[in-house]
C-alpha atoms as a PDB file:
ATOM      1  CA  MET A   1     -46.939 173.211 -36.401  1.00  0.00           C
ATOM      2  CA  THR A   2     -49.112 174.160 -39.327  1.00  0.00           C
ATOM      3  CA  PRO A   3     -47.495 173.760 -42.763  1.00  0.00           C
ATOM      4  CA  ILE A   4     -46.996 176.945 -44.766  1.00  0.00           C
ATOM      5  CA  ASP A   5     -47.549 177.408 -48.481  1.00  0.00           C
ATOM      6  CA  ARG A   6     -44.354 179.327 -49.190  1.00  0.00           C
ATOM      7  CA  ARG A   7     -40.926 178.739 -50.628  1.00  0.00           C
ATOM      8  CA  ILE A   8     -37.825 179.500 -48.582  1.00  0.00           C
ATOM      9  CA  GLY A   9     -34.497 180.569 -50.078  1.00  0.00           C
ATOM     10  CA  PHE A  10     -31.320 180.478 -48.019  1.00  0.00           C
ATOM     11  CA  MET A  11     -28.641 182.907 -49.196  1.00  0.00           C
ATOM     12  CA  GLY A  12     -25.765 181.044 -47.623  1.00  0.00           C
ATOM     13  CA  SER A  13     -25.944 177.463 -46.418  1.00  0.00           C
ATOM     14  CA  GLY A  14     -23.884 177.450 -43.259  1.00  0.00           C
ATOM     15  CA  GLN A  15     -24.616 175.749 -39.970  1.00  0.00           C
ATOM     16  CA  MET A  16     -27.390 178.163 -38.977  1.00  0.00           C
ATOM     17  CA  ALA A  17     -29.207 177.703 -42.301  1.00  0.00           C
ATOM     18  CA  GLU A  18     -28.784 173.941 -41.947  1.00  0.00           C
ATOM     19  CA  ALA A  19     -30.311 173.996 -38.460  1.00  0.00           C
ATOM     20  CA  LEU A  20     -33.238 176.122 -39.639  1.00  0.00           C
ATOM     21  CA  ALA A  21     -33.877 173.991 -42.723  1.00  0.00           C
ATOM     22  CA  LYS A  22     -33.796 170.719 -40.795  1.00  0.00           C
ATOM     23  CA  GLY A  23     -35.936 172.161 -38.005  1.00  0.00           C
ATOM     24  CA  LEU A  24     -38.575 173.449 -40.426  1.00  0.00           C
ATOM     25  CA  VAL A  25     -38.769 170.058 -42.133  1.00  0.00           C
ATOM     26  CA  ASN A  26     -38.749 168.074 -38.870  1.00  0.00           C
ATOM     27  CA  LYS A  27     -41.601 170.185 -37.478  1.00  0.00           C
ATOM     28  CA  GLY A  28     -43.624 169.782 -40.684  1.00  0.00           C
ATOM     29  CA  VAL A  29     -43.625 173.480 -41.526  1.00  0.00           C
ATOM     30  CA  VAL A  30     -42.260 172.914 -45.046  1.00  0.00           C
ATOM     31  CA  THR A  31     -41.026 170.063 -47.203  1.00  0.00           C
ATOM     32  CA  PRO A  32     -37.484 170.034 -48.596  1.00  0.00           C
ATOM     33  CA  ASN A  33     -38.781 170.775 -52.097  1.00  0.00           C
ATOM     34  CA  GLN A  34     -40.123 174.110 -50.805  1.00  0.00           C
ATOM     35  CA  MET A  35     -36.571 175.224 -49.985  1.00  0.00           C
ATOM     36  CA  CYS A  36     -33.518 176.153 -51.987  1.00  0.00           C
ATOM     37  CA  CYS A  37     -30.106 177.549 -51.158  1.00  0.00           C
ATOM     38  CA  THR A  38     -26.827 178.871 -52.451  1.00  0.00           C
ATOM     39  CA  ASP A  39     -23.335 178.779 -51.012  1.00  0.00           C
ATOM     40  CA  PRO A  40     -19.814 179.330 -52.362  1.00  0.00           C
ATOM     41  CA  VAL A  41     -18.706 176.034 -50.793  1.00  0.00           C
ATOM     42  CA  ALA A  42     -19.633 172.973 -52.867  1.00  0.00           C
ATOM     43  CA  ALA A  43     -19.724 170.717 -49.785  1.00  0.00           C
ATOM     44  CA  ARG A  44     -22.470 172.850 -48.211  1.00  0.00           C
ATOM     45  CA  LYS A  45     -24.579 172.688 -51.375  1.00  0.00           C
ATOM     46  CA  GLU A  46     -24.054 168.923 -51.507  1.00  0.00           C
ATOM     47  CA  LEU A  47     -25.160 168.599 -47.883  1.00  0.00           C
ATOM     48  CA  PHE A  48     -28.398 170.491 -48.543  1.00  0.00           C
ATOM     49  CA  SER A  49     -29.007 168.455 -51.696  1.00  0.00           C
ATOM     50  CA  SER A  50     -28.596 165.269 -49.660  1.00  0.00           C
ATOM     51  CA  PHE A  51     -31.786 166.025 -47.721  1.00  0.00           C
ATOM     52  CA  GLY A  52     -33.798 167.189 -50.726  1.00  0.00           C
ATOM     53  CA  VAL A  53     -33.160 170.931 -50.835  1.00  0.00           C
ATOM     54  CA  SER A  54     -32.357 172.399 -54.264  1.00  0.00           C
ATOM     55  CA  ALA A  55     -28.873 173.957 -54.229  1.00  0.00           C
ATOM     56  CA  TYR A  56     -27.790 176.591 -56.730  1.00  0.00           C
ATOM     57  CA  ASP A  57     -24.584 178.386 -57.617  1.00  0.00           C
ATOM     58  CA  THR A  58     -25.899 181.948 -57.521  1.00  0.00           C
ATOM     59  CA  THR A  59     -28.283 184.033 -55.457  1.00  0.00           C
ATOM     60  CA  LEU A  60     -30.098 184.963 -58.667  1.00  0.00           C
ATOM     61  CA  GLU A  61     -31.037 181.308 -59.195  1.00  0.00           C
ATOM     62  CA  VAL A  62     -32.323 181.117 -55.615  1.00  0.00           C
ATOM     63  CA  ARG A  63     -34.371 184.288 -56.085  1.00  0.00           C
ATOM     64  CA  ARG A  64     -35.919 182.900 -59.263  1.00  0.00           C
ATOM     65  CA  ARG A  65     -36.659 179.501 -57.687  1.00  0.00           C
ATOM     66  CA  ARG A  66     -38.264 180.846 -54.540  1.00  0.00           C
ATOM     67  CA  SER A  67     -40.446 183.204 -56.586  1.00  0.00           C
ATOM     68  CA  ALA A  68     -41.570 180.573 -59.093  1.00  0.00           C
ATOM     69  CA  GLY A  69     -44.652 178.427 -58.991  1.00  0.00           C
ATOM     70  CA  ARG A  70     -47.728 178.482 -56.844  1.00  0.00           C
ATOM     71  CA  GLY A  71     -47.930 179.458 -53.266  1.00  0.00           C
ATOM     72  CA  GLY A  72     -48.591 182.336 -50.991  1.00  0.00           C
ATOM     73  CA  GLY A  73     -45.271 183.993 -51.666  1.00  0.00           C
ATOM     74  CA  ALA A  74     -41.660 183.488 -50.801  1.00  0.00           C
ATOM     75  CA  VAL A  75     -39.479 183.875 -47.748  1.00  0.00           C
ATOM     76  CA  ARG A  76     -35.865 184.964 -48.077  1.00  0.00           C
ATOM     77  CA  VAL A  77     -33.453 183.976 -45.323  1.00  0.00           C
ATOM     78  CA  GLN A  78     -30.039 185.640 -45.232  1.00  0.00           C
ATOM     79  CA  LEU A  79     -27.824 184.776 -42.306  1.00  0.00           C
ATOM     80  CA  GLY A  80     -24.451 185.968 -41.147  1.00  0.00           C
ATOM     81  CA  ARG A  81     -22.040 188.426 -42.697  1.00  0.00           C
END
């Protein structure tokens, strides 16, 4: 796949977000430093951090991170609930 020049923010870091994040990295669409996430469960944030994704405590931090810097824009991913 062709890499994209965007940041991706996951609002919630459950199993579906994990599968998407790992799949996007494995296919070369994005690098882990192009993604960030938030989750109320510390273990989920730690898991995402373990493969290079920035994990934050609030959705506001994710919104700021995915909007910052260079790139063609940002992608917001909200799954579940």
